[in-house]
Amino acid sequence: MFGKPEVVIAVGSTSSQKIDAVGRAFYEIYNGDKKYFWQRRKIRVIGLNASSGVNEQPWGYEEGFKGAYNRLDQAKERMRRDKRRHDYVIGIENTLIPVGTSDFDRQLEIFELPRTQETKLLPEEFWDMRFADIACVVVEDNLGNQQEEASADVIFPAKYVRKAIESGFRIPAGNFIAEDLNGDGADPHMTLVHKPRSEFIKDAIIEATKKLPARR
């Protein structure tokens, strides 16, 4: 039983992984410290079809957050068009980023090379880099306040990143990880670090939501 009005969150995805992460994040935000049922809020997550408008394998922060904002905007428009009430709307997009060097400007310069060069033309310096997957999360409340957050990263082996690049960014690196290691293409995190991708997304949603103005 719940004693207060439900909290409604629209998410620009029908992925069960993302919907689960959103639901658990907001349950923790609203009910994590509530001992009695009348203090708790019912959490309702509405998953909506939305296109990221970016590559199947996004590359870098800019493309990742662009995909997240595109998903958020489409979900918000769908809720508006259907005249459905919501308290929050969320966009989530995973992307690959470079990690592990002090000369970050140079690293970003090298990281952008696959957009314009074939894999065989990439310098050895490129393959000396490490690559990680992160979730780009954008949370907006019903007053229009927005917050961005990037999840903790998970290192992806370079050989799978290479295959994603060779596919023209049309196939996510996670698919190659799943194919090689007998895992789930939608959850390479579980295969690599034995922690589901939804946990990384959930934590990022909580952090972004905490930064929004306090609700009265």
Foldseek 3Di string as FASTA:
>chain_A
DAQDEAAEEEELAPDPLQQVLVQVLVQCVQPVPPDDRHSGHHYHYHYDHFFLPAALAAADDVSQVSSWVRSQVVRVVVCVVVVHDHFKYKGKGKYKYWDDDPPVVVLVVLSPVLLPDQPVPRDVVNVVIWMWMWMWMWMAGPVGDIFIFIFDIDTDHVVLVNVCSNVVVNQYSLVVLCVVQVHDSVFVVCVRPVDGPSVRVNVRVNVRVVPTPDDD
